[in-house]
């Protein structure tokens, strides 16, 4: 996944995406101890899951396996800022995936 996929770095997350033949977009989330204790890590995961749910159609026309690595601050940054960061990463990945498919 990490070697073959595309990556977009944001301020509060790093998003990896790999096109698949499946008929759905899948999500994996990593939140290490480095960002905080269990409560902080779980909150970061919940926020990323909600972003993914709200913006699931942003990935179209691709079906992807997606992994989001949470960075420090992901669980406490204002929602609007986190959402902007996520959507920016999605746009970067869409650009990189589109460029890759044309080659």
PDB file of N, CA and C in Angstrom:
ATOM      1  N   UNK A   1       0.829  -1.192   0.000  1.00  0.00           N
ATOM      2  CA  UNK A   1       0.000   0.000   0.000  1.00  0.00           C
ATOM      3  C   UNK A   1       0.871   1.252   0.000  1.00  0.00           C
ATOM      4  N   UNK A   2       1.770   1.359   0.951  1.00  0.00           N
ATOM      5  CA  UNK A   2       2.578   2.569   1.072  1.00  0.00           C
ATOM      6  C   UNK A   2       3.534   2.728  -0.119  1.00  0.00           C
ATOM      7  N   UNK A   3       4.051   1.636  -0.635  1.00  0.00           N
ATOM      8  CA  UNK A   3       5.014   1.709  -1.728  1.00  0.00           C
ATOM      9  C   UNK A   3       4.341   1.975  -3.068  1.00  0.00           C
ATOM     10  N   UNK A   4       3.189   1.345  -3.311  1.00  0.00           N
ATOM     11  CA  UNK A   4       2.542   1.438  -4.620  1.00  0.00           C
ATOM     12  C   UNK A   4       1.538   2.571  -4.721  1.00  0.00           C
ATOM     13  N   UNK A   5       1.062   3.064  -3.603  1.00  0.00           N
ATOM     14  CA  UNK A   5       0.031   4.100  -3.613  1.00  0.00           C
ATOM     15  C   UNK A   5       0.601   5.501  -3.736  1.00  0.00           C
ATOM     16  N   UNK A   6      -0.286   6.463  -3.711  1.00  0.00           N
ATOM     17  CA  UNK A   6       0.086   7.877  -3.757  1.00  0.00           C
ATOM     18  C   UNK A   6      -0.098   8.471  -2.364  1.00  0.00           C
ATOM     19  N   UNK A   7       0.641   9.529  -2.083  1.00  0.00           N
ATOM     20  CA  UNK A   7       0.630  10.128  -0.745  1.00  0.00           C
ATOM     21  C   UNK A   7       0.421  11.631  -0.844  1.00  0.00           C
ATOM     22  N   UNK A   8      -0.353  12.154   0.123  1.00  0.00           N
ATOM     23  CA  UNK A   8      -0.527  13.606   0.251  1.00  0.00           C
ATOM     24  C   UNK A   8      -0.323  13.961   1.715  1.00  0.00           C
ATOM     25  N   UNK A   9       0.569  14.896   1.972  1.00  0.00           N
ATOM     26  CA  UNK A   9       0.842  15.337   3.341  1.00  0.00           C
ATOM     27  C   UNK A   9       0.032  16.584   3.646  1.00  0.00           C
ATOM     28  N   UNK A  10      -0.657  16.527   4.762  1.00  0.00           N
ATOM     29  CA  UNK A  10      -1.362  17.695   5.252  1.00  0.00           C
ATOM     30  C   UNK A  10      -0.718  18.150   6.546  1.00  0.00           C
ATOM     31  N   UNK A  11      -1.253  19.187   7.137  1.00  0.00           N
ATOM     32  CA  UNK A  11      -0.741  19.700   8.401  1.00  0.00           C
ATOM     33  C   UNK A  11      -1.059  18.723   9.527  1.00  0.00           C
ATOM     34  N   UNK A  12      -2.259  18.154   9.515  1.00  0.00           N
ATOM     35  CA  UNK A  12      -2.725  17.318  10.622  1.00  0.00           C
ATOM     36  C   UNK A  12      -2.850  15.845  10.271  1.00  0.00           C
ATOM     37  N   UNK A  13      -2.486  15.471   9.041  1.00  0.00           N
ATOM     38  CA  UNK A  13      -2.608  14.074   8.619  1.00  0.00           C
ATOM     39  C   UNK A  13      -1.771  13.834   7.376  1.00  0.00           C
ATOM     40  N   UNK A  14      -1.508  12.556   7.132  1.00  0.00           N
ATOM     41  CA  UNK A  14      -0.909  12.123   5.877  1.00  0.00           C
ATOM     42  C   UNK A  14      -1.885  11.097   5.308  1.00  0.00           C
ATOM     43  N   UNK A  15      -2.279  11.283   4.049  1.00  0.00           N
ATOM     44  CA  UNK A  15      -3.275  10.414   3.430  1.00  0.00           C
ATOM     45  C   UNK A  15      -2.610   9.630   2.306  1.00  0.00           C
ATOM     46  N   UNK A  16      -2.779   8.315   2.341  1.00  0.00           N
ATOM     47  CA  UNK A  16      -2.277   7.416   1.310  1.00  0.00           C
ATOM     48  C   UNK A  16      -3.475   6.825   0.577  1.00  0.00           C
ATOM     49  N   UNK A  17      -3.357   6.669  -0.740  1.00  0.00           N
ATOM     50  CA  UNK A  17      -4.449   6.095  -1.519  1.00  0.00           C
ATOM     51  C   UNK A  17      -3.899   5.157  -2.577  1.00  0.00           C
ATOM     52  N   UNK A  18      -4.588   4.044  -2.766  1.00  0.00           N
ATOM     53  CA  UNK A  18      -4.212   3.046  -3.753  1.00  0.00           C
ATOM     54  C   UNK A  18      -5.468   2.608  -4.500  1.00  0.00           C
ATOM     55  N   UNK A  19      -5.530   2.823  -5.823  1.00  0.00           N
ATOM     56  CA  UNK A  19      -6.700   2.381  -6.590  1.00  0.00           C
ATOM     57  C   UNK A  19      -6.859   0.862  -6.510  1.00  0.00           C
ATOM     58  N   UNK A  20      -8.112   0.411  -6.433  1.00  0.00           N
ATOM     59  CA  UNK A  20      -8.411  -1.020  -6.366  1.00  0.00           C
ATOM     60  C   UNK A  20      -9.504  -1.367  -7.361  1.00  0.00           C
ATOM     61  N   UNK A  21      -9.751  -2.644  -7.510  1.00  0.00           N
ATOM     62  CA  UNK A  21     -10.823  -3.131  -8.377  1.00  0.00           C
ATOM     63  C   UNK A  21     -12.120  -3.314  -7.613  1.00  0.00           C
ATOM     64  N   UNK A  22     -12.115  -3.059  -6.320  1.00  0.00           N
ATOM     65  CA  UNK A  22     -13.336  -3.209  -5.514  1.00  0.00           C
ATOM     66  C   UNK A  22     -14.376  -2.183  -5.931  1.00  0.00           C
ATOM     67  N   UNK A  23     -15.591  -2.370  -5.466  1.00  0.00           N
ATOM     68  CA  UNK A  23     -16.658  -1.432  -5.799  1.00  0.00           C
ATOM     69  C   UNK A  23     -16.911  -0.428  -4.679  1.00  0.00           C
ATOM     70  N   UNK A  24     -15.971  -0.304  -3.757  1.00  0.00           N
ATOM     71  CA  UNK A  24     -16.144   0.628  -2.649  1.00  0.00           C
ATOM     72  C   UNK A  24     -14.802   1.225  -2.233  1.00  0.00           C
ATOM     73  N   UNK A  25     -14.880   2.347  -1.534  1.00  0.00           N
ATOM     74  CA  UNK A  25     -13.697   2.997  -0.974  1.00  0.00           C
ATOM     75  C   UNK A  25     -13.538   2.496   0.452  1.00  0.00           C
ATOM     76  N   UNK A  26     -12.323   2.053   0.800  1.00  0.00           N
ATOM     77  CA  UNK A  26     -12.079   1.565   2.161  1.00  0.00           C
ATOM     78  C   UNK A  26     -11.142   2.517   2.889  1.00  0.00           C
ATOM     79  N   UNK A  27     -11.285   2.543   4.219  1.00  0.00           N
ATOM     80  CA  UNK A  27     -10.515   3.462   5.048  1.00  0.00           C
ATOM     81  C   UNK A  27      -9.784   2.715   6.155  1.00  0.00           C
ATOM     82  N   UNK A  28      -8.533   3.081   6.345  1.00  0.00           N
ATOM     83  CA  UNK A  28      -7.751   2.631   7.492  1.00  0.00           C
ATOM     84  C   UNK A  28      -7.200   3.870   8.177  1.00  0.00           C
ATOM     85  N   UNK A  29      -7.120   3.833   9.492  1.00  0.00           N
ATOM     86  CA  UNK A  29      -6.632   4.999  10.239  1.00  0.00           C
ATOM     87  C   UNK A  29      -5.557   4.543  11.205  1.00  0.00           C
ATOM     88  N   UNK A  30      -4.446   5.268  11.233  1.00  0.00           N
ATOM     89  CA  UNK A  30      -3.419   5.009  12.230  1.00  0.00           C
ATOM     90  C   UNK A  30      -3.272   6.239  13.103  1.00  0.00           C
ATOM     91  N   UNK A  31      -3.261   5.993  14.388  1.00  0.00           N
ATOM     92  CA  UNK A  31      -3.047   7.058  15.372  1.00  0.00           C
ATOM     93  C   UNK A  31      -2.112   6.472  16.430  1.00  0.00           C
ATOM     94  N   UNK A  32      -0.865   6.880  16.390  1.00  0.00           N
ATOM     95  CA  UNK A  32       0.130   6.295  17.280  1.00  0.00           C
ATOM     96  C   UNK A  32       0.153   6.995  18.633  1.00  0.00           C
ATOM     97  N   UNK A  33       0.838   6.391  19.574  1.00  0.00           N
ATOM     98  CA  UNK A  33       0.974   6.974  20.914  1.00  0.00           C
ATOM     99  C   UNK A  33       1.637   8.338  20.898  1.00  0.00           C
ATOM    100  N   UNK A  34       2.347   8.591  19.837  1.00  0.00           N
ATOM    101  CA  UNK A  34       3.049   9.866  19.720  1.00  0.00           C
ATOM    102  C   UNK A  34       2.080  11.053  19.759  1.00  0.00           C
ATOM    103  N   UNK A  35       0.835  10.850  19.290  1.00  0.00           N
ATOM    104  CA  UNK A  35      -0.114  11.973  19.284  1.00  0.00           C
ATOM    105  C   UNK A  35      -0.836  12.125  20.617  1.00  0.00           C
ATOM    106  N   UNK A  36      -0.737  11.122  21.489  1.00  0.00           N
ATOM    107  CA  UNK A  36      -1.366  11.240  22.801  1.00  0.00           C
ATOM    108  C   UNK A  36      -1.839   9.900  23.333  1.00  0.00           C
ATOM    109  N   UNK A  37      -2.532   9.961  24.454  1.00  0.00           N
ATOM    110  CA  UNK A  37      -3.061   8.766  25.089  1.00  0.00           C
ATOM    111  C   UNK A  37      -4.252   8.193  24.328  1.00  0.00           C
ATOM    112  N   UNK A  38      -4.864   7.175  24.911  1.00  0.00           N
ATOM    113  CA  UNK A  38      -5.954   6.463  24.249  1.00  0.00           C
ATOM    114  C   UNK A  38      -7.136   7.373  23.914  1.00  0.00           C
ATOM    115  N   UNK A  39      -7.469   8.272  24.825  1.00  0.00           N
ATOM    116  CA  UNK A  39      -8.603   9.170  24.595  1.00  0.00           C
ATOM    117  C   UNK A  39      -8.332  10.070  23.390  1.00  0.00           C
ATOM    118  N   UNK A  40      -7.141  10.618  23.314  1.00  0.00           N
ATOM    119  CA  UNK A  40      -6.754  11.503  22.211  1.00  0.00           C
ATOM    120  C   UNK A  40      -6.730  10.730  20.895  1.00  0.00           C
ATOM    121  N   UNK A  41      -6.154   9.536  20.900  1.00  0.00           N
ATOM    122  CA  UNK A  41      -6.083   8.728  19.679  1.00  0.00           C
ATOM    123  C   UNK A  41      -7.472   8.339  19.189  1.00  0.00           C
ATOM    124  N   UNK A  42      -8.352   7.955  20.099  1.00  0.00           N
ATOM    125  CA  UNK A  42      -9.709   7.572  19.706  1.00  0.00           C
ATOM    126  C   UNK A  42     -10.481   8.765  19.151  1.00  0.00           C
ATOM    127  N   UNK A  43     -10.290   9.922  19.740  1.00  0.00           N
ATOM    128  CA  UNK A  43     -10.970  11.130  19.239  1.00  0.00           C
ATOM    129  C   UNK A  43     -10.473  11.465  17.831  1.00  0.00           C
ATOM    130  N   UNK A  44      -9.182  11.345  17.612  1.00  0.00           N
ATOM    131  CA  UNK A  44      -8.629  11.606  16.279  1.00  0.00           C
ATOM    132  C   UNK A  44      -9.231  10.633  15.268  1.00  0.00           C
ATOM    133  N   UNK A  45      -9.310   9.361  15.621  1.00  0.00           N
ATOM    134  CA  UNK A  45      -9.894   8.362  14.721  1.00  0.00           C
ATOM    135  C   UNK A  45     -11.359   8.662  14.413  1.00  0.00           C
ATOM    136  N   UNK A  46     -12.119   9.039  15.429  1.00  0.00           N
ATOM    137  CA  UNK A  46     -13.543   9.362  15.222  1.00  0.00           C
ATOM    138  C   UNK A  46     -13.702  10.554  14.271  1.00  0.00           C
ATOM    139  N   UNK A  47     -12.861  11.548  14.434  1.00  0.00           N
ATOM    140  CA  UNK A  47     -12.943  12.736  13.586  1.00  0.00           C
ATOM    141  C   UNK A  47     -12.599  12.403  12.128  1.00  0.00           C
ATOM    142  N   UNK A  48     -11.571  11.596  11.931  1.00  0.00           N
ATOM    143  CA  UNK A  48     -11.196  11.198  10.568  1.00  0.00           C
ATOM    144  C   UNK A  48     -12.309  10.355   9.945  1.00  0.00           C
ATOM    145  N   UNK A  49     -12.863   9.433  10.708  1.00  0.00           N
ATOM    146  CA  UNK A  49     -13.962   8.602  10.215  1.00  0.00           C
ATOM    147  C   UNK A  49     -15.149   9.462   9.768  1.00  0.00           C
ATOM    148  N   UNK A  50     -15.464  10.492  10.555  1.00  0.00           N
ATOM    149  CA  UNK A  50     -16.577  11.383  10.210  1.00  0.00           C
ATOM    150  C   UNK A  50     -16.258  12.196   8.954  1.00  0.00           C
ATOM    151  N   UNK A  51     -15.036  12.679   8.820  1.00  0.00           N
ATOM    152  CA  UNK A  51     -14.640  13.384   7.600  1.00  0.00           C
ATOM    153  C   UNK A  51     -14.793  12.482   6.385  1.00  0.00           C
ATOM    154  N   UNK A  52     -14.349  11.259   6.527  1.00  0.00           N
ATOM    155  CA  UNK A  52     -14.429  10.288   5.445  1.00  0.00           C
ATOM    156  C   UNK A  52     -15.891  10.024   5.078  1.00  0.00           C
ATOM    157  N   UNK A  53     -16.739   9.893   6.082  1.00  0.00           N
ATOM    158  CA  UNK A  53     -18.159   9.625   5.847  1.00  0.00           C
ATOM    159  C   UNK A  53     -18.820  10.810   5.131  1.00  0.00           C
ATOM    160  N   UNK A  54     -18.525  12.022   5.591  1.00  0.00           N
ATOM    161  CA  UNK A  54     -19.130  13.207   5.005  1.00  0.00           C
ATOM    162  C   UNK A  54     -18.668  13.475   3.574  1.00  0.00           C
ATOM    163  N   UNK A  55     -17.441  13.108   3.269  1.00  0.00           N
ATOM    164  CA  UNK A  55     -16.851  13.434   1.965  1.00  0.00           C
ATOM    165  C   UNK A  55     -16.515  12.191   1.148  1.00  0.00           C
ATOM    166  N   UNK A  56     -17.270  11.136   1.335  1.00  0.00           N
ATOM    167  CA  UNK A  56     -17.026   9.883   0.610  1.00  0.00           C
ATOM    168  C   UNK A  56     -17.084  10.087  -0.905  1.00  0.00           C
ATOM    169  N   UNK A  57     -17.981  10.940  -1.371  1.00  0.00           N
ATOM    170  CA  UNK A  57     -18.116  11.157  -2.811  1.00  0.00           C
ATOM    171  C   UNK A  57     -16.966  11.974  -3.397  1.00  0.00           C
ATOM    172  N   UNK A  58     -16.140  12.576  -2.552  1.00  0.00           N
ATOM    173  CA  UNK A  58     -15.008  13.373  -3.040  1.00  0.00           C
ATOM    174  C   UNK A  58     -13.995  12.512  -3.792  1.00  0.00           C
ATOM    175  N   UNK A  59     -14.009  11.204  -3.558  1.00  0.00           N
ATOM    176  CA  UNK A  59     -13.046  10.317  -4.197  1.00  0.00           C
ATOM    177  C   UNK A  59     -13.449   9.924  -5.614  1.00  0.00           C
ATOM    178  N   UNK A  60     -14.696  10.168  -5.986  1.00  0.00           N
ATOM    179  CA  UNK A  60     -15.165   9.717  -7.303  1.00  0.00           C
ATOM    180  C   UNK A  60     -14.307  10.318  -8.395  1.00  0.00           C
ATOM    181  N   UNK A  61     -13.999   9.624  -9.439  1.00  0.00           N
ATOM    182  CA  UNK A  61     -14.550   8.358  -9.907  1.00  0.00           C
ATOM    183  C   UNK A  61     -13.760   7.128  -9.460  1.00  0.00           C
ATOM    184  N   UNK A  62     -12.811   7.271  -8.545  1.00  0.00           N
ATOM    185  CA  UNK A  62     -11.971   6.153  -8.146  1.00  0.00           C
ATOM    186  C   UNK A  62     -12.575   5.361  -6.991  1.00  0.00           C
ATOM    187  N   UNK A  63     -12.245   4.067  -6.966  1.00  0.00           N
ATOM    188  CA  UNK A  63     -12.475   3.264  -5.764  1.00  0.00           C
ATOM    189  C   UNK A  63     -11.086   2.983  -5.210  1.00  0.00           C
ATOM    190  N   UNK A  64     -10.884   3.347  -3.949  1.00  0.00           N
ATOM    191  CA  UNK A  64      -9.544   3.354  -3.374  1.00  0.00           C
ATOM    192  C   UNK A  64      -9.486   2.655  -2.035  1.00  0.00           C
ATOM    193  N   UNK A  65      -8.324   2.129  -1.739  1.00  0.00           N
ATOM    194  CA  UNK A  65      -7.982   1.782  -0.373  1.00  0.00           C
ATOM    195  C   UNK A  65      -7.243   2.998   0.162  1.00  0.00           C
ATOM    196  N   UNK A  66      -7.700   3.513   1.283  1.00  0.00           N
ATOM    197  CA  UNK A  66      -7.169   4.751   1.826  1.00  0.00           C
ATOM    198  C   UNK A  66      -6.687   4.530   3.249  1.00  0.00           C
ATOM    199  N   UNK A  67      -5.528   5.083   3.582  1.00  0.00           N
ATOM    200  CA  UNK A  67      -5.009   5.047   4.951  1.00  0.00           C
ATOM    201  C   UNK A  67      -4.691   6.485   5.346  1.00  0.00           C
ATOM    202  N   UNK A  68      -5.175   6.874   6.519  1.00  0.00           N
ATOM    203  CA  UNK A  68      -4.894   8.207   7.052  1.00  0.00           C
ATOM    204  C   UNK A  68      -4.040   8.042   8.300  1.00  0.00           C
ATOM    205  N   UNK A  69      -2.865   8.641   8.280  1.00  0.00           N
ATOM    206  CA  UNK A  69      -2.000   8.671   9.452  1.00  0.00           C
ATOM    207  C   UNK A  69      -2.233   9.994  10.165  1.00  0.00           C
ATOM    208  N   UNK A  70      -2.737   9.939  11.390  1.00  0.00           N
ATOM    209  CA  UNK A  70      -3.018  11.152  12.164  1.00  0.00           C
ATOM    210  C   UNK A  70      -1.710  11.739  12.686  1.00  0.00           C
ATOM    211  N   UNK A  71      -1.646  13.049  12.692  1.00  0.00           N
ATOM    212  CA  UNK A  71      -0.506  13.759  13.256  1.00  0.00           C
ATOM    213  C   UNK A  71      -0.927  14.451  14.547  1.00  0.00           C
ATOM    214  N   UNK A  72       0.061  14.929  15.268  1.00  0.00           N
ATOM    215  CA  UNK A  72      -0.205  15.645  16.519  1.00  0.00           C
ATOM    216  C   UNK A  72      -1.126  16.829  16.227  1.00  0.00           C
ATOM    217  N   UNK A  73      -2.144  16.998  17.042  1.00  0.00           N
ATOM    218  CA  UNK A  73      -3.091  18.093  16.877  1.00  0.00           C
ATOM    219  C   UNK A  73      -4.361  17.702  16.149  1.00  0.00           C
ATOM    220  N   UNK A  74      -4.380  16.541  15.542  1.00  0.00           N
ATOM    221  CA  UNK A  74      -5.538  16.080  14.774  1.00  0.00           C
ATOM    222  C   UNK A  74      -6.803  16.015  15.631  1.00  0.00           C
ATOM    223  N   UNK A  75      -6.661  15.730  16.896  1.00  0.00           N
ATOM    224  CA  UNK A  75      -7.832  15.565  17.756  1.00  0.00           C
ATOM    225  C   UNK A  75      -8.312  16.873  18.381  1.00  0.00           C
ATOM    226  N   UNK A  76      -7.515  17.937  18.300  1.00  0.00           N
ATOM    227  CA  UNK A  76      -7.887  19.183  18.981  1.00  0.00           C
ATOM    228  C   UNK A  76      -8.051  20.386  18.049  1.00  0.00           C
ATOM    229  N   UNK A  77      -7.589  20.276  16.832  1.00  0.00           N
ATOM    230  CA  UNK A  77      -7.692  21.386  15.894  1.00  0.00           C
ATOM    231  C   UNK A  77      -9.179  21.655  15.599  1.00  0.00           C
ATOM    232  N   UNK A  78      -9.555  22.915  15.341  1.00  0.00           N
ATOM    233  CA  UNK A  78     -10.954  23.190  15.001  1.00  0.00           C
ATOM    234  C   UNK A  78     -11.411  22.363  13.793  1.00  0.00           C
ATOM    235  N   UNK A  79     -12.675  21.968  13.825  1.00  0.00           N
ATOM    236  CA  UNK A  79     -13.229  21.084  12.800  1.00  0.00           C
ATOM    237  C   UNK A  79     -13.032  21.659  11.398  1.00  0.00           C
ATOM    238  N   UNK A  80     -13.301  22.926  11.201  1.00  0.00           N
ATOM    239  CA  UNK A  80     -13.191  23.531   9.870  1.00  0.00           C
ATOM    240  C   UNK A  80     -11.767  23.428   9.325  1.00  0.00           C
ATOM    241  N   UNK A  81     -10.793  23.613  10.176  1.00  0.00           N
ATOM    242  CA  UNK A  81      -9.394  23.511   9.746  1.00  0.00           C
ATOM    243  C   UNK A  81      -9.034  22.073   9.375  1.00  0.00           C
ATOM    244  N   UNK A  82      -9.504  21.125  10.182  1.00  0.00           N
ATOM    245  CA  UNK A  82      -9.251  19.707   9.892  1.00  0.00           C
ATOM    246  C   UNK A  82      -9.911  19.309   8.573  1.00  0.00           C
ATOM    247  N   UNK A  83     -11.122  19.781   8.356  1.00  0.00           N
ATOM    248  CA  UNK A  83     -11.849  19.472   7.130  1.00  0.00           C
ATOM    249  C   UNK A  83     -11.134  20.055   5.911  1.00  0.00           C
ATOM    250  N   UNK A  84     -10.664  21.293   6.008  1.00  0.00           N
ATOM    251  CA  UNK A  84      -9.909  21.910   4.915  1.00  0.00           C
ATOM    252  C   UNK A  84      -8.649  21.110   4.601  1.00  0.00           C
ATOM    253  N   UNK A  85      -7.941  20.687   5.651  1.00  0.00           N
ATOM    254  CA  UNK A  85      -6.720  19.903   5.481  1.00  0.00           C
ATOM    255  C   UNK A  85      -7.018  18.587   4.768  1.00  0.00           C
ATOM    256  N   UNK A  86      -8.090  17.908   5.186  1.00  0.00           N
ATOM    257  CA  UNK A  86      -8.482  16.636   4.583  1.00  0.00           C
ATOM    258  C   UNK A  86      -8.841  16.831   3.107  1.00  0.00           C
ATOM    259  N   UNK A  87      -9.671  17.814   2.811  1.00  0.00           N
ATOM    260  CA  UNK A  87     -10.096  18.040   1.426  1.00  0.00           C
ATOM    261  C   UNK A  87      -8.930  18.463   0.542  1.00  0.00           C
ATOM    262  N   UNK A  88      -7.995  19.194   1.106  1.00  0.00           N
ATOM    263  CA  UNK A  88      -6.781  19.554   0.353  1.00  0.00           C
ATOM    264  C   UNK A  88      -5.993  18.297  -0.009  1.00  0.00           C
ATOM    265  N   UNK A  89      -5.847  17.391   0.941  1.00  0.00           N
ATOM    266  CA  UNK A  89      -5.152  16.121   0.683  1.00  0.00           C
ATOM    267  C   UNK A  89      -5.876  15.310  -0.383  1.00  0.00           C
ATOM    268  N   UNK A  90      -7.201  15.284  -0.325  1.00  0.00           N
ATOM    269  CA  UNK A  90      -7.993  14.563  -1.321  1.00  0.00           C
ATOM    270  C   UNK A  90      -7.748  15.149  -2.713  1.00  0.00           C
ATOM    271  N   UNK A  91      -7.752  16.469  -2.825  1.00  0.00           N
ATOM    272  CA  UNK A  91      -7.527  17.107  -4.125  1.00  0.00           C
ATOM    273  C   UNK A  91      -6.128  16.808  -4.663  1.00  0.00           C
ATOM    274  N   UNK A  92      -5.144  16.825  -3.796  1.00  0.00           N
ATOM    275  CA  UNK A  92      -3.772  16.491  -4.201  1.00  0.00           C
ATOM    276  C   UNK A  92      -3.719  15.059  -4.720  1.00  0.00           C
ATOM    277  N   UNK A  93      -4.352  14.139  -3.998  1.00  0.00           N
ATOM    278  CA  UNK A  93      -4.346  12.733  -4.421  1.00  0.00           C
ATOM    279  C   UNK A  93      -5.092  12.541  -5.733  1.00  0.00           C
ATOM    280  N   UNK A  94      -6.219  13.218  -5.904  1.00  0.00           N
ATOM    281  CA  UNK A  94      -6.956  13.101  -7.152  1.00  0.00           C
ATOM    282  C   UNK A  94      -6.097  13.579  -8.320  1.00  0.00           C
ATOM    283  N   UNK A  95      -5.370  14.657  -8.114  1.00  0.00           N
ATOM    284  CA  UNK A  95      -4.479  15.171  -9.154  1.00  0.00           C
ATOM    285  C   UNK A  95      -3.387  14.146  -9.463  1.00  0.00           C
ATOM    286  N   UNK A  96      -2.778  13.596  -8.431  1.00  0.00           N
ATOM    287  CA  UNK A  96      -1.692  12.626  -8.628  1.00  0.00           C
ATOM    288  C   UNK A  96      -2.205  11.334  -9.239  1.00  0.00           C
ATOM    289  N   UNK A  97      -3.364  10.889  -8.848  1.00  0.00           N
ATOM    290  CA  UNK A  97      -3.933   9.667  -9.421  1.00  0.00           C
ATOM    291  C   UNK A  97      -4.314   9.885 -10.872  1.00  0.00           C
ATOM    292  N   UNK A  98      -4.868  11.043 -11.186  1.00  0.00           N
ATOM    293  CA  UNK A  98      -5.236  11.349 -12.561  1.00  0.00           C
ATOM    294  C   UNK A  98      -4.039  11.414 -13.470  1.00  0.00           C
ATOM    295  N   UNK A  99      -2.975  12.028 -12.982  1.00  0.00           N
ATOM    296  CA  UNK A  99      -1.736  12.133 -13.749  1.00  0.00           C
ATOM    297  C   UNK A  99      -1.140  10.752 -13.980  1.00  0.00           C
ATOM    298  N   UNK A 100      -1.210   9.897 -12.957  1.00  0.00           N
ATOM    299  CA  UNK A 100      -0.645   8.551 -13.042  1.00  0.00           C
ATOM    300  C   UNK A 100      -1.409   7.703 -14.061  1.00  0.00           C
ATOM    301  N   UNK A 101      -2.722   7.838 -14.106  1.00  0.00           N
ATOM    302  CA  UNK A 101      -3.516   7.031 -15.022  1.00  0.00           C
ATOM    303  C   UNK A 101      -3.305   7.438 -16.471  1.00  0.00           C
ATOM    304  N   UNK A 102      -2.966   8.700 -16.730  1.00  0.00           N
ATOM    305  CA  UNK A 102      -2.763   9.163 -18.106  1.00  0.00           C
ATOM    306  C   UNK A 102      -1.439   8.680 -18.694  1.00  0.00           C
ATOM    307  N   UNK A 103      -0.509   8.286 -17.856  1.00  0.00           N
ATOM    308  CA  UNK A 103       0.819   7.874 -18.340  1.00  0.00           C
ATOM    309  C   UNK A 103       0.784   6.493 -18.932  1.00  0.00           C
TER     310      UNK A 103
END
